[in-house]
Amino acid sequence: FCYKFRSMQLNVTTEKEASRNDPRVTRIGKFIRKTSIDE
């Protein structure tokens, strides 16, 4: 099990990789994903 800081709203499509302007990504999620802090 790979751990990350949660960067998306809760959803059931966890096996779908993130795409540009993904609506699942939160505002703080955009920042931590852009800086790779979520990893």
Full PDB file with SEQRES, HELIX, SHEET, SSBOND, CRYST1, ORIGX, SCALE, CONECT and MASTER records, all heavy atoms in Angstrom:
SEQRES   1 A   39  PHE CYS TYR LYS PHE ARG SER MET GLN LEU ASN VAL THR          
SEQRES   2 A   39  THR GLU LYS GLU ALA SER ARG ASN ASP PRO ARG VAL THR          
SEQRES   3 A   39  ARG ILE GLY LYS PHE ILE ARG LYS THR SER ILE ASP GLU          
HELIX    1 AA1 ARG A   27  LYS A   34  1                                   8    
CRYST1    1.000    1.000    1.000  90.00  90.00  90.00 P 1           1          
ORIGX1      1.000000  0.000000  0.000000        0.00000                         
ORIGX2      0.000000  1.000000  0.000000        0.00000                         
ORIGX3      0.000000  0.000000  1.000000        0.00000                         
SCALE1      1.000000  0.000000  0.000000        0.00000                         
SCALE2      0.000000  1.000000  0.000000        0.00000                         
SCALE3      0.000000  0.000000  1.000000        0.00000                         
ATOM      1  N   PHE A   1       0.843  -1.195   0.000  1.00  0.00           N  
ATOM      2  CA  PHE A   1       0.000   0.000   0.000  1.00  0.00           C  
ATOM      3  C   PHE A   1       0.879   1.246   0.000  1.00  0.00           C  
ATOM      4  O   PHE A   1       1.669   1.469   0.917  1.00  0.00           O  
ATOM      5  CB  PHE A   1      -0.944  -0.009   1.201  1.00  0.00           C  
ATOM      6  CG  PHE A   1      -2.051  -1.012   1.065  1.00  0.00           C  
ATOM      7  CD1 PHE A   1      -1.932  -2.265   1.648  1.00  0.00           C  
ATOM      8  CD2 PHE A   1      -3.183  -0.710   0.330  1.00  0.00           C  
ATOM      9  CE1 PHE A   1      -2.943  -3.200   1.517  1.00  0.00           C  
ATOM     10  CE2 PHE A   1      -4.202  -1.646   0.191  1.00  0.00           C  
ATOM     11  CZ  PHE A   1      -4.086  -2.894   0.775  1.00  0.00           C  
ATOM     12  N   CYS A   2       0.732   2.033  -1.049  1.00  0.00           N  
ATOM     13  CA  CYS A   2       1.521   3.251  -1.250  1.00  0.00           C  
ATOM     14  C   CYS A   2       0.792   4.419  -0.598  1.00  0.00           C  
ATOM     15  O   CYS A   2      -0.404   4.633  -0.851  1.00  0.00           O  
ATOM     16  CB  CYS A   2       1.696   3.486  -2.752  1.00  0.00           C  
ATOM     17  SG  CYS A   2       2.666   4.942  -3.166  1.00  0.00           S  
ATOM     18  N   TYR A   3       1.490   5.193   0.245  1.00  0.00           N  
ATOM     19  CA  TYR A   3       0.881   6.292   0.981  1.00  0.00           C  
ATOM     20  C   TYR A   3       1.152   7.640   0.310  1.00  0.00           C  
ATOM     21  O   TYR A   3       2.235   7.881  -0.221  1.00  0.00           O  
ATOM     22  CB  TYR A   3       1.395   6.326   2.418  1.00  0.00           C  
ATOM     23  CG  TYR A   3       0.985   5.128   3.236  1.00  0.00           C  
ATOM     24  CD1 TYR A   3       1.863   4.069   3.443  1.00  0.00           C  
ATOM     25  CD2 TYR A   3      -0.288   5.048   3.781  1.00  0.00           C  
ATOM     26  CE1 TYR A   3       1.491   2.961   4.180  1.00  0.00           C  
ATOM     27  CE2 TYR A   3      -0.676   3.940   4.531  1.00  0.00           C  
ATOM     28  CZ  TYR A   3       0.217   2.904   4.718  1.00  0.00           C  
ATOM     29  OH  TYR A   3      -0.172   1.808   5.435  1.00  0.00           O  
ATOM     30  N   LYS A   4       0.135   8.501   0.365  1.00  0.00           N  
ATOM     31  CA  LYS A   4       0.263   9.875  -0.134  1.00  0.00           C  
ATOM     32  C   LYS A   4      -0.590  10.789   0.750  1.00  0.00           C  
ATOM     33  O   LYS A   4      -1.495  10.312   1.456  1.00  0.00           O  
ATOM     34  CB  LYS A   4      -0.250   9.993  -1.573  1.00  0.00           C  
ATOM     35  CG  LYS A   4       0.558   9.284  -2.624  1.00  0.00           C  
ATOM     36  CD  LYS A   4      -0.022   9.592  -4.013  1.00  0.00           C  
ATOM     37  CE  LYS A   4       0.797   8.944  -5.112  1.00  0.00           C  
ATOM     38  NZ  LYS A   4       0.323   9.337  -6.463  1.00  0.00           N  
ATOM     39  N   PHE A   5      -0.310  12.097   0.705  1.00  0.00           N  
ATOM     40  CA  PHE A   5      -1.258  13.048   1.251  1.00  0.00           C  
ATOM     41  C   PHE A   5      -2.445  13.102   0.299  1.00  0.00           C  
ATOM     42  O   PHE A   5      -2.266  13.162  -0.919  1.00  0.00           O  
ATOM     43  CB  PHE A   5      -0.637  14.444   1.377  1.00  0.00           C  
ATOM     44  CG  PHE A   5       0.319  14.582   2.525  1.00  0.00           C  
ATOM     45  CD1 PHE A   5       1.647  14.907   2.298  1.00  0.00           C  
ATOM     46  CD2 PHE A   5      -0.111  14.414   3.837  1.00  0.00           C  
ATOM     47  CE1 PHE A   5       2.534  15.039   3.351  1.00  0.00           C  
ATOM     48  CE2 PHE A   5       0.781  14.542   4.895  1.00  0.00           C  
ATOM     49  CZ  PHE A   5       2.100  14.855   4.658  1.00  0.00           C  
ATOM     50  N   ARG A   6      -3.653  13.073   0.836  1.00  0.00           N  
ATOM     51  CA  ARG A   6      -4.833  13.070  -0.029  1.00  0.00           C  
ATOM     52  C   ARG A   6      -4.941  14.404  -0.771  1.00  0.00           C  
ATOM     53  O   ARG A   6      -4.974  15.462  -0.147  1.00  0.00           O  
ATOM     54  CB  ARG A   6      -6.091  12.814   0.803  1.00  0.00           C  
ATOM     55  CG  ARG A   6      -7.361  12.718  -0.043  1.00  0.00           C  
ATOM     56  CD  ARG A   6      -8.531  12.222   0.786  1.00  0.00           C  
ATOM     57  NE  ARG A   6      -8.817  13.108   1.898  1.00  0.00           N  
ATOM     58  CZ  ARG A   6      -9.571  14.210   1.803  1.00  0.00           C  
ATOM     59  NH1 ARG A   6     -10.095  14.557   0.638  1.00  0.00           N  
ATOM     60  NH2 ARG A   6      -9.778  14.958   2.864  1.00  0.00           N  
ATOM     61  N   SER A   7      -5.031  14.328  -2.095  1.00  0.00           N  
ATOM     62  CA  SER A   7      -5.096  15.531  -2.924  1.00  0.00           C  
ATOM     63  C   SER A   7      -6.390  15.623  -3.720  1.00  0.00           C  
ATOM     64  O   SER A   7      -6.562  16.548  -4.502  1.00  0.00           O  
ATOM     65  CB  SER A   7      -3.899  15.544  -3.894  1.00  0.00           C  
ATOM     66  OG  SER A   7      -3.919  14.402  -4.728  1.00  0.00           O  
ATOM     67  N   MET A   8      -7.296  14.652  -3.527  1.00  0.00           N  
ATOM     68  CA  MET A   8      -8.554  14.623  -4.281  1.00  0.00           C  
ATOM     69  C   MET A   8      -9.753  14.526  -3.341  1.00  0.00           C  
ATOM     70  O   MET A   8      -9.616  14.125  -2.180  1.00  0.00           O  
ATOM     71  CB  MET A   8      -8.582  13.421  -5.237  1.00  0.00           C  
ATOM     72  CG  MET A   8      -7.572  13.465  -6.362  1.00  0.00           C  
ATOM     73  SD  MET A   8      -7.801  12.042  -7.464  1.00  0.00           S  
ATOM     74  CE  MET A   8      -6.542  12.390  -8.707  1.00  0.00           C  
ATOM     75  N   GLN A   9     -10.929  14.862  -3.884  1.00  0.00           N  
ATOM     76  CA  GLN A   9     -12.161  14.567  -3.186  1.00  0.00           C  
ATOM     77  C   GLN A   9     -12.325  13.047  -3.114  1.00  0.00           C  
ATOM     78  O   GLN A   9     -11.814  12.323  -3.963  1.00  0.00           O  
ATOM     79  CB  GLN A   9     -13.355  15.159  -3.953  1.00  0.00           C  
ATOM     80  CG  GLN A   9     -13.275  16.652  -4.237  1.00  0.00           C  
ATOM     81  CD  GLN A   9     -13.626  17.490  -3.022  1.00  0.00           C  
ATOM     82  OE1 GLN A   9     -14.026  16.953  -1.978  1.00  0.00           O  
ATOM     83  NE2 GLN A   9     -13.483  18.809  -3.133  1.00  0.00           N  
ATOM     84  N   LEU A  10     -13.030  12.560  -2.120  1.00  0.00           N  
ATOM     85  CA  LEU A  10     -13.293  11.128  -2.041  1.00  0.00           C  
ATOM     86  C   LEU A  10     -14.058  10.684  -3.278  1.00  0.00           C  
ATOM     87  O   LEU A  10     -15.042  11.313  -3.683  1.00  0.00           O  
ATOM     88  CB  LEU A  10     -14.111  10.799  -0.782  1.00  0.00           C  
ATOM     89  CG  LEU A  10     -13.392  11.001   0.556  1.00  0.00           C  
ATOM     90  CD1 LEU A  10     -14.315  10.646   1.706  1.00  0.00           C  
ATOM     91  CD2 LEU A  10     -12.124  10.170   0.623  1.00  0.00           C  
ATOM     92  N   ASN A  11     -13.595   9.617  -3.933  1.00  0.00           N  
ATOM     93  CA  ASN A  11     -14.230   9.134  -5.155  1.00  0.00           C  
ATOM     94  C   ASN A  11     -13.997   7.633  -5.275  1.00  0.00           C  
ATOM     95  O   ASN A  11     -13.209   7.046  -4.533  1.00  0.00           O  
ATOM     96  CB  ASN A  11     -13.681   9.874  -6.384  1.00  0.00           C  
ATOM     97  CG  ASN A  11     -12.199   9.634  -6.589  1.00  0.00           C  
ATOM     98  OD1 ASN A  11     -11.799   8.651  -7.217  1.00  0.00           O  
ATOM     99  ND2 ASN A  11     -11.359  10.522  -6.033  1.00  0.00           N  
ATOM    100  N   VAL A  12     -14.687   7.029  -6.237  1.00  0.00           N  
ATOM    101  CA  VAL A  12     -14.589   5.570  -6.417  1.00  0.00           C  
ATOM    102  C   VAL A  12     -13.742   5.214  -7.632  1.00  0.00           C  
ATOM    103  O   VAL A  12     -13.667   4.054  -8.022  1.00  0.00           O  
ATOM    104  CB  VAL A  12     -16.001   4.949  -6.579  1.00  0.00           C  
ATOM    105  CG1 VAL A  12     -16.793   5.106  -5.298  1.00  0.00           C  
ATOM    106  CG2 VAL A  12     -16.745   5.574  -7.767  1.00  0.00           C  
ATOM    107  N   THR A  13     -13.077   6.214  -8.236  1.00  0.00           N  
ATOM    108  CA  THR A  13     -12.269   5.957  -9.442  1.00  0.00           C  
ATOM    109  C   THR A  13     -10.790   6.048  -9.111  1.00  0.00           C  
ATOM    110  O   THR A  13     -10.032   6.771  -9.767  1.00  0.00           O  
ATOM    111  CB  THR A  13     -12.635   6.950 -10.568  1.00  0.00           C  
ATOM    112  OG1 THR A  13     -12.481   8.293 -10.069  1.00  0.00           O  
ATOM    113  CG2 THR A  13     -14.058   6.747 -11.035  1.00  0.00           C  
ATOM    114  N   THR A  14     -10.363   5.347  -8.066  1.00  0.00           N  
ATOM    115  CA  THR A  14      -8.967   5.444  -7.621  1.00  0.00           C  
ATOM    116  C   THR A  14      -7.986   4.777  -8.579  1.00  0.00           C  
ATOM    117  O   THR A  14      -6.792   5.042  -8.519  1.00  0.00           O  
ATOM    118  CB  THR A  14      -8.805   4.819  -6.223  1.00  0.00           C  
ATOM    119  OG1 THR A  14      -9.247   3.457  -6.281  1.00  0.00           O  
ATOM    120  CG2 THR A  14      -9.633   5.580  -5.198  1.00  0.00           C  
ATOM    121  N   GLU A  15      -8.468   3.892  -9.448  1.00  0.00           N  
ATOM    122  CA  GLU A  15      -7.573   3.240 -10.411  1.00  0.00           C  
ATOM    123  C   GLU A  15      -7.449   4.043 -11.700  1.00  0.00           C  
ATOM    124  O   GLU A  15      -6.832   3.594 -12.657  1.00  0.00           O  
ATOM    125  CB  GLU A  15      -8.062   1.828 -10.732  1.00  0.00           C  
ATOM    126  CG  GLU A  15      -7.614   0.781  -9.718  1.00  0.00           C  
ATOM    127  CD  GLU A  15      -6.103   0.573  -9.685  1.00  0.00           C  
ATOM    128  OE1 GLU A  15      -5.519   0.315 -10.751  1.00  0.00           O  
ATOM    129  OE2 GLU A  15      -5.500   0.675  -8.608  1.00  0.00           O  
ATOM    130  N   LYS A  16      -8.058   5.217 -11.718  1.00  0.00           N  
ATOM    131  CA  LYS A  16      -7.938   6.110 -12.868  1.00  0.00           C  
ATOM    132  C   LYS A  16      -6.898   7.166 -12.542  1.00  0.00           C  
ATOM    133  O   LYS A  16      -7.025   7.887 -11.544  1.00  0.00           O  
ATOM    134  CB  LYS A  16      -9.281   6.766 -13.178  1.00  0.00           C  
ATOM    135  CG  LYS A  16      -9.228   7.738 -14.349  1.00  0.00           C  
ATOM    136  CD  LYS A  16     -10.570   8.441 -14.537  1.00  0.00           C  
ATOM    137  CE  LYS A  16     -10.463   9.489 -15.648  1.00  0.00           C  
ATOM    138  NZ  LYS A  16     -11.729  10.255 -15.802  1.00  0.00           N  
ATOM    139  N   GLU A  17      -5.842   7.264 -13.369  1.00  0.00           N  
ATOM    140  CA  GLU A  17      -4.781   8.221 -13.070  1.00  0.00           C  
ATOM    141  C   GLU A  17      -5.268   9.644 -13.279  1.00  0.00           C  
ATOM    142  O   GLU A  17      -6.217   9.895 -14.031  1.00  0.00           O  
ATOM    143  CB  GLU A  17      -3.550   7.957 -13.954  1.00  0.00           C  
ATOM    144  CG  GLU A  17      -3.785   8.157 -15.435  1.00  0.00           C  
ATOM    145  CD  GLU A  17      -2.515   7.951 -16.242  1.00  0.00           C  
ATOM    146  OE1 GLU A  17      -1.432   8.132 -15.677  1.00  0.00           O  
ATOM    147  OE2 GLU A  17      -2.629   7.622 -17.437  1.00  0.00           O  
ATOM    148  N   ALA A  18      -4.610  10.586 -12.599  1.00  0.00           N  
ATOM    149  CA  ALA A  18      -4.994  11.993 -12.686  1.00  0.00           C  
ATOM    150  C   ALA A  18      -4.674  12.542 -14.066  1.00  0.00           C  
ATOM    151  O   ALA A  18      -3.660  12.197 -14.676  1.00  0.00           O  
ATOM    152  CB  ALA A  18      -4.272  12.801 -11.619  1.00  0.00           C  
ATOM    153  N   SER A  19      -5.552  13.426 -14.557  1.00  0.00           N  
ATOM    154  CA  SER A  19      -5.352  14.081 -15.847  1.00  0.00           C  
ATOM    155  C   SER A  19      -5.291  15.588 -15.636  1.00  0.00           C  
ATOM    156  O   SER A  19      -5.584  16.092 -14.541  1.00  0.00           O  
ATOM    157  CB  SER A  19      -6.481  13.722 -16.819  1.00  0.00           C  
ATOM    158  OG  SER A  19      -7.731  14.080 -16.259  1.00  0.00           O  
ATOM    159  N   ARG A  20      -4.919  16.314 -16.665  1.00  0.00           N  
ATOM    160  CA  ARG A  20      -4.846  17.770 -16.564  1.00  0.00           C  
ATOM    161  C   ARG A  20      -6.238  18.333 -16.246  1.00  0.00           C  
ATOM    162  O   ARG A  20      -7.237  17.939 -16.841  1.00  0.00           O  
ATOM    163  CB  ARG A  20      -4.310  18.348 -17.868  1.00  0.00           C  
ATOM    164  CG  ARG A  20      -3.894  19.808 -17.764  1.00  0.00           C  
ATOM    165  CD  ARG A  20      -3.388  20.313 -19.103  1.00  0.00           C  
ATOM    166  NE  ARG A  20      -2.178  19.621 -19.518  1.00  0.00           N  
ATOM    167  CZ  ARG A  20      -0.953  19.963 -19.150  1.00  0.00           C  
ATOM    168  NH1 ARG A  20      -0.771  20.989 -18.337  1.00  0.00           N  
ATOM    169  NH2 ARG A  20       0.090  19.279 -19.583  1.00  0.00           N  
ATOM    170  N   ASN A  21      -6.293  19.276 -15.285  1.00  0.00           N  
ATOM    171  CA  ASN A  21      -7.556  19.897 -14.851  1.00  0.00           C  
ATOM    172  C   ASN A  21      -8.561  18.853 -14.351  1.00  0.00           C  
ATOM    173  O   ASN A  21      -9.769  18.969 -14.575  1.00  0.00           O  
ATOM    174  CB  ASN A  21      -8.175  20.716 -15.990  1.00  0.00           C  
ATOM    175  CG  ASN A  21      -7.254  21.823 -16.469  1.00  0.00           C  
ATOM    176  OD1 ASN A  21      -6.613  22.498 -15.663  1.00  0.00           O  
ATOM    177  ND2 ASN A  21      -7.185  22.026 -17.779  1.00  0.00           N  
ATOM    178  N   ASP A  22      -8.067  17.846 -13.681  1.00  0.00           N  
ATOM    179  CA  ASP A  22      -8.913  16.778 -13.144  1.00  0.00           C  
ATOM    180  C   ASP A  22      -9.856  17.362 -12.093  1.00  0.00           C  
ATOM    181  O   ASP A  22      -9.405  17.979 -11.108  1.00  0.00           O  
ATOM    182  CB  ASP A  22      -8.029  15.687 -12.520  1.00  0.00           C  
ATOM    183  CG  ASP A  22      -8.775  14.391 -12.287  1.00  0.00           C  
ATOM    184  OD1 ASP A  22      -9.895  14.442 -11.756  1.00  0.00           O  
ATOM    185  OD2 ASP A  22      -8.231  13.321 -12.652  1.00  0.00           O  
ATOM    186  N   PRO A  23     -11.174  17.212 -12.266  1.00  0.00           N  
ATOM    187  CA  PRO A  23     -12.128  17.805 -11.315  1.00  0.00           C  
ATOM    188  C   PRO A  23     -12.061  17.188  -9.921  1.00  0.00           C  
ATOM    189  O   PRO A  23     -12.570  17.768  -8.953  1.00  0.00           O  
ATOM    190  CB  PRO A  23     -13.487  17.533 -11.971  1.00  0.00           C  
ATOM    191  CG  PRO A  23     -13.259  16.353 -12.868  1.00  0.00           C  
ATOM    192  CD  PRO A  23     -11.844  16.495 -13.355  1.00  0.00           C  
ATOM    193  N   ARG A  24     -11.448  16.011  -9.786  1.00  0.00           N  
ATOM    194  CA  ARG A  24     -11.344  15.364  -8.479  1.00  0.00           C  
ATOM    195  C   ARG A  24     -10.323  16.039  -7.569  1.00  0.00           C  
ATOM    196  O   ARG A  24     -10.364  15.890  -6.347  1.00  0.00           O  
ATOM    197  CB  ARG A  24     -10.960  13.895  -8.653  1.00  0.00           C  
ATOM    198  CG  ARG A  24     -11.967  13.056  -9.418  1.00  0.00           C  
ATOM    199  CD  ARG A  24     -11.403  11.660  -9.669  1.00  0.00           C  
ATOM    200  NE  ARG A  24     -10.212  11.702 -10.515  1.00  0.00           N  
ATOM    201  CZ  ARG A  24      -9.412  10.664 -10.709  1.00  0.00           C  
ATOM    202  NH1 ARG A  24      -9.654   9.510 -10.105  1.00  0.00           N  
ATOM    203  NH2 ARG A  24      -8.351  10.777 -11.497  1.00  0.00           N  
ATOM    204  N   VAL A  25      -9.373  16.781  -8.169  1.00  0.00           N  
ATOM    205  CA  VAL A  25      -8.273  17.384  -7.405  1.00  0.00           C  
ATOM    206  C   VAL A  25      -8.750  18.635  -6.671  1.00  0.00           C  
ATOM    207  O   VAL A  25      -9.379  19.520  -7.267  1.00  0.00           O  
ATOM    208  CB  VAL A  25      -7.089  17.726  -8.333  1.00  0.00           C  
ATOM    209  CG1 VAL A  25      -5.963  18.373  -7.534  1.00  0.00           C  
ATOM    210  CG2 VAL A  25      -6.583  16.476  -9.039  1.00  0.00           C  
ATOM    211  N   THR A  26      -8.430  18.728  -5.387  1.00  0.00           N  
ATOM    212  CA  THR A  26      -8.805  19.894  -4.584  1.00  0.00           C  
ATOM    213  C   THR A  26      -7.824  21.037  -4.814  1.00  0.00           C  
ATOM    214  O   THR A  26      -6.803  20.876  -5.477  1.00  0.00           O  
ATOM    215  CB  THR A  26      -8.810  19.516  -3.091  1.00  0.00           C  
ATOM    216  OG1 THR A  26      -7.476  19.112  -2.717  1.00  0.00           O  
ATOM    217  CG2 THR A  26      -9.773  18.371  -2.816  1.00  0.00           C  
ATOM    218  N   ARG A  27      -8.136  22.196  -4.214  1.00  0.00           N  
ATOM    219  CA  ARG A  27      -7.246  23.360  -4.379  1.00  0.00           C  
ATOM    220  C   ARG A  27      -5.890  23.122  -3.716  1.00  0.00           C  
ATOM    221  O   ARG A  27      -4.848  23.379  -4.306  1.00  0.00           O  
ATOM    222  CB  ARG A  27      -7.910  24.613  -3.807  1.00  0.00           C  
ATOM    223  CG  ARG A  27      -9.004  25.193  -4.702  1.00  0.00           C  
ATOM    224  CD  ARG A  27      -9.688  26.357  -4.029  1.00  0.00           C  
ATOM    225  NE  ARG A  27     -10.377  25.927  -2.797  1.00  0.00           N  
ATOM    226  CZ  ARG A  27     -10.975  26.765  -1.948  1.00  0.00           C  
ATOM    227  NH1 ARG A  27     -10.956  28.066  -2.172  1.00  0.00           N  
ATOM    228  NH2 ARG A  27     -11.576  26.304  -0.867  1.00  0.00           N  
ATOM    229  N   ILE A  28      -5.936  22.645  -2.468  1.00  0.00           N  
ATOM    230  CA  ILE A  28      -4.661  22.325  -1.812  1.00  0.00           C  
ATOM    231  C   ILE A  28      -3.998  21.147  -2.516  1.00  0.00           C  
ATOM    232  O   ILE A  28      -2.767  21.056  -2.591  1.00  0.00           O  
ATOM    233  CB  ILE A  28      -4.878  22.011  -0.302  1.00  0.00           C  
ATOM    234  CG1 ILE A  28      -3.523  21.813   0.410  1.00  0.00           C  
ATOM    235  CG2 ILE A  28      -5.743  20.774  -0.120  1.00  0.00           C  
ATOM    236  CD1 ILE A  28      -2.666  23.036   0.465  1.00  0.00           C  
ATOM    237  N   GLY A  29      -4.820  20.261  -3.100  1.00  0.00           N  
ATOM    238  CA  GLY A  29      -4.289  19.119  -3.845  1.00  0.00           C  
ATOM    239  C   GLY A  29      -3.493  19.549  -5.062  1.00  0.00           C  
ATOM    240  O   GLY A  29      -2.473  18.936  -5.392  1.00  0.00           O  
ATOM    241  N   LYS A  30      -3.957  20.593  -5.740  1.00  0.00           N  
ATOM    242  CA  LYS A  30      -3.221  21.091  -6.918  1.00  0.00           C  
ATOM    243  C   LYS A  30      -1.826  21.553  -6.534  1.00  0.00           C  
ATOM    244  O   LYS A  30      -0.857  21.305  -7.251  1.00  0.00           O  
ATOM    245  CB  LYS A  30      -3.991  22.249  -7.568  1.00  0.00           C  
ATOM    246  CG  LYS A  30      -5.260  21.823  -8.293  1.00  0.00           C  
ATOM    247  CD  LYS A  30      -5.968  23.013  -8.913  1.00  0.00           C  
ATOM    248  CE  LYS A  30      -7.253  22.571  -9.616  1.00  0.00           C  
ATOM    249  NZ  LYS A  30      -7.985  23.737 -10.201  1.00  0.00           N  
ATOM    250  N   PHE A  31      -1.736  22.208  -5.390  1.00  0.00           N  
ATOM    251  CA  PHE A  31      -0.428  22.707  -4.938  1.00  0.00           C  
ATOM    252  C   PHE A  31       0.504  21.576  -4.550  1.00  0.00           C  
ATOM    253  O   PHE A  31       1.659  21.532  -4.993  1.00  0.00           O  
ATOM    254  CB  PHE A  31      -0.621  23.662  -3.750  1.00  0.00           C  
ATOM    255  CG  PHE A  31       0.666  24.044  -3.078  1.00  0.00           C  
ATOM    256  CD1 PHE A  31       1.541  24.931  -3.683  1.00  0.00           C  
ATOM    257  CD2 PHE A  31       1.020  23.492  -1.849  1.00  0.00           C  
ATOM    258  CE1 PHE A  31       2.745  25.280  -3.075  1.00  0.00           C  
ATOM    259  CE2 PHE A  31       2.209  23.823  -1.235  1.00  0.00           C  
ATOM    260  CZ  PHE A  31       3.071  24.726  -1.853  1.00  0.00           C  
ATOM    261  N   ILE A  32       0.005  20.641  -3.744  1.00  0.00           N  
ATOM    262  CA  ILE A  32       0.908  19.582  -3.274  1.00  0.00           C  
ATOM    263  C   ILE A  32       1.267  18.609  -4.396  1.00  0.00           C  
ATOM    264  O   ILE A  32       2.324  17.988  -4.364  1.00  0.00           O  
ATOM    265  CB  ILE A  32       0.321  18.832  -2.049  1.00  0.00           C  
ATOM    266  CG1 ILE A  32      -0.976  18.116  -2.395  1.00  0.00           C  
ATOM    267  CG2 ILE A  32       0.140  19.783  -0.876  1.00  0.00           C  
ATOM    268  CD1 ILE A  32      -1.536  17.281  -1.248  1.00  0.00           C  
ATOM    269  N   ARG A  33       0.391  18.472  -5.395  1.00  0.00           N  
ATOM    270  CA  ARG A  33       0.730  17.621  -6.538  1.00  0.00           C  
ATOM    271  C   ARG A  33       1.747  18.321  -7.439  1.00  0.00           C  
ATOM    272  O   ARG A  33       2.659  17.688  -7.981  1.00  0.00           O  
ATOM    273  CB  ARG A  33      -0.527  17.261  -7.338  1.00  0.00           C  
ATOM    274  CG  ARG A  33      -1.492  16.362  -6.604  1.00  0.00           C  
ATOM    275  CD  ARG A  33      -2.733  16.093  -7.423  1.00  0.00           C  
ATOM    276  NE  ARG A  33      -2.432  15.165  -8.512  1.00  0.00           N  
ATOM    277  CZ  ARG A  33      -2.541  13.845  -8.417  1.00  0.00           C  
ATOM    278  NH1 ARG A  33      -2.960  13.296  -7.288  1.00  0.00           N  
ATOM    279  NH2 ARG A  33      -2.274  13.073  -9.444  1.00  0.00           N  
ATOM    280  N   LYS A  34       1.585  19.626  -7.616  1.00  0.00           N  
ATOM    281  CA  LYS A  34       2.510  20.393  -8.459  1.00  0.00           C  
ATOM    282  C   LYS A  34       3.916  20.373  -7.880  1.00  0.00           C  
ATOM    283  O   LYS A  34       4.916  20.319  -8.611  1.00  0.00           O  
ATOM    284  CB  LYS A  34       2.016  21.840  -8.587  1.00  0.00           C  
ATOM    285  CG  LYS A  34       2.817  22.704  -9.544  1.00  0.00           C  
ATOM    286  CD  LYS A  34       2.637  22.267 -10.984  1.00  0.00           C  
ATOM    287  CE  LYS A  34       3.378  23.168 -11.955  1.00  0.00           C  
ATOM    288  NZ  LYS A  34       3.274  22.699 -13.356  1.00  0.00           N  
ATOM    289  N   THR A  35       4.021  20.415  -6.555  1.00  0.00           N  
ATOM    290  CA  THR A  35       5.328  20.437  -5.889  1.00  0.00           C  
ATOM    291  C   THR A  35       5.787  19.049  -5.448  1.00  0.00           C  
ATOM    292  O   THR A  35       6.849  18.927  -4.839  1.00  0.00           O  
ATOM    293  CB  THR A  35       5.266  21.350  -4.655  1.00  0.00           C  
ATOM    294  OG1 THR A  35       4.201  20.909  -3.804  1.00  0.00           O  
ATOM    295  CG2 THR A  35       5.026  22.802  -5.064  1.00  0.00           C  
ATOM    296  N   SER A  36       4.967  18.028  -5.732  1.00  0.00           N  
ATOM    297  CA  SER A  36       5.252  16.631  -5.364  1.00  0.00           C  
ATOM    298  C   SER A  36       5.280  16.411  -3.852  1.00  0.00           C  
ATOM    299  O   SER A  36       5.775  15.384  -3.383  1.00  0.00           O  
ATOM    300  CB  SER A  36       6.595  16.174  -5.978  1.00  0.00           C  
ATOM    301  OG  SER A  36       6.542  16.210  -7.392  1.00  0.00           O  
ATOM    302  N   ILE A  37       4.729  17.359  -3.079  1.00  0.00           N  
ATOM    303  CA  ILE A  37       4.676  17.193  -1.626  1.00  0.00           C  
ATOM    304  C   ILE A  37       3.764  16.034  -1.257  1.00  0.00           C  
ATOM    305  O   ILE A  37       3.956  15.385  -0.209  1.00  0.00           O  
ATOM    306  CB  ILE A  37       4.201  18.505  -0.957  1.00  0.00           C  
ATOM    307  CG1 ILE A  37       5.280  19.594  -1.122  1.00  0.00           C  
ATOM    308  CG2 ILE A  37       3.886  18.309   0.517  1.00  0.00           C  
ATOM    309  CD1 ILE A  37       4.867  20.954  -0.607  1.00  0.00           C  
ATOM    310  N   ASP A  38       2.777  15.745  -2.120  1.00  0.00           N  
ATOM    311  CA  ASP A  38       1.850  14.654  -1.819  1.00  0.00           C  
ATOM    312  C   ASP A  38       2.550  13.297  -1.716  1.00  0.00           C  
ATOM    313  O   ASP A  38       2.026  12.349  -1.117  1.00  0.00           O  
ATOM    314  CB  ASP A  38       0.737  14.596  -2.869  1.00  0.00           C  
ATOM    315  CG  ASP A  38       1.264  14.278  -4.259  1.00  0.00           C  
ATOM    316  OD1 ASP A  38       2.326  14.823  -4.632  1.00  0.00           O  
ATOM    317  OD2 ASP A  38       0.627  13.488  -4.984  1.00  0.00           O  
ATOM    318  N   GLU A  39       3.752  13.193  -2.297  1.00  0.00           N  
ATOM    319  CA  GLU A  39       4.486  11.922  -2.289  1.00  0.00           C  
ATOM    320  C   GLU A  39       5.291  11.697  -1.004  1.00  0.00           C  
ATOM    321  O   GLU A  39       5.805  10.594  -0.769  1.00  0.00           O  
ATOM    322  CB  GLU A  39       5.463  11.876  -3.477  1.00  0.00           C  
ATOM    323  CG  GLU A  39       4.857  12.223  -4.841  1.00  0.00           C  
ATOM    324  CD  GLU A  39       4.057  11.081  -5.436  1.00  0.00           C  
ATOM    325  OE1 GLU A  39       3.977  10.011  -4.791  1.00  0.00           O  
ATOM    326  OE2 GLU A  39       3.504  11.257  -6.536  1.00  0.00           O  
TER     327      GLU A  39                                                      
MASTER        0    0    0    1    0    0    0    6  326    1    0    3          
END                                                                             
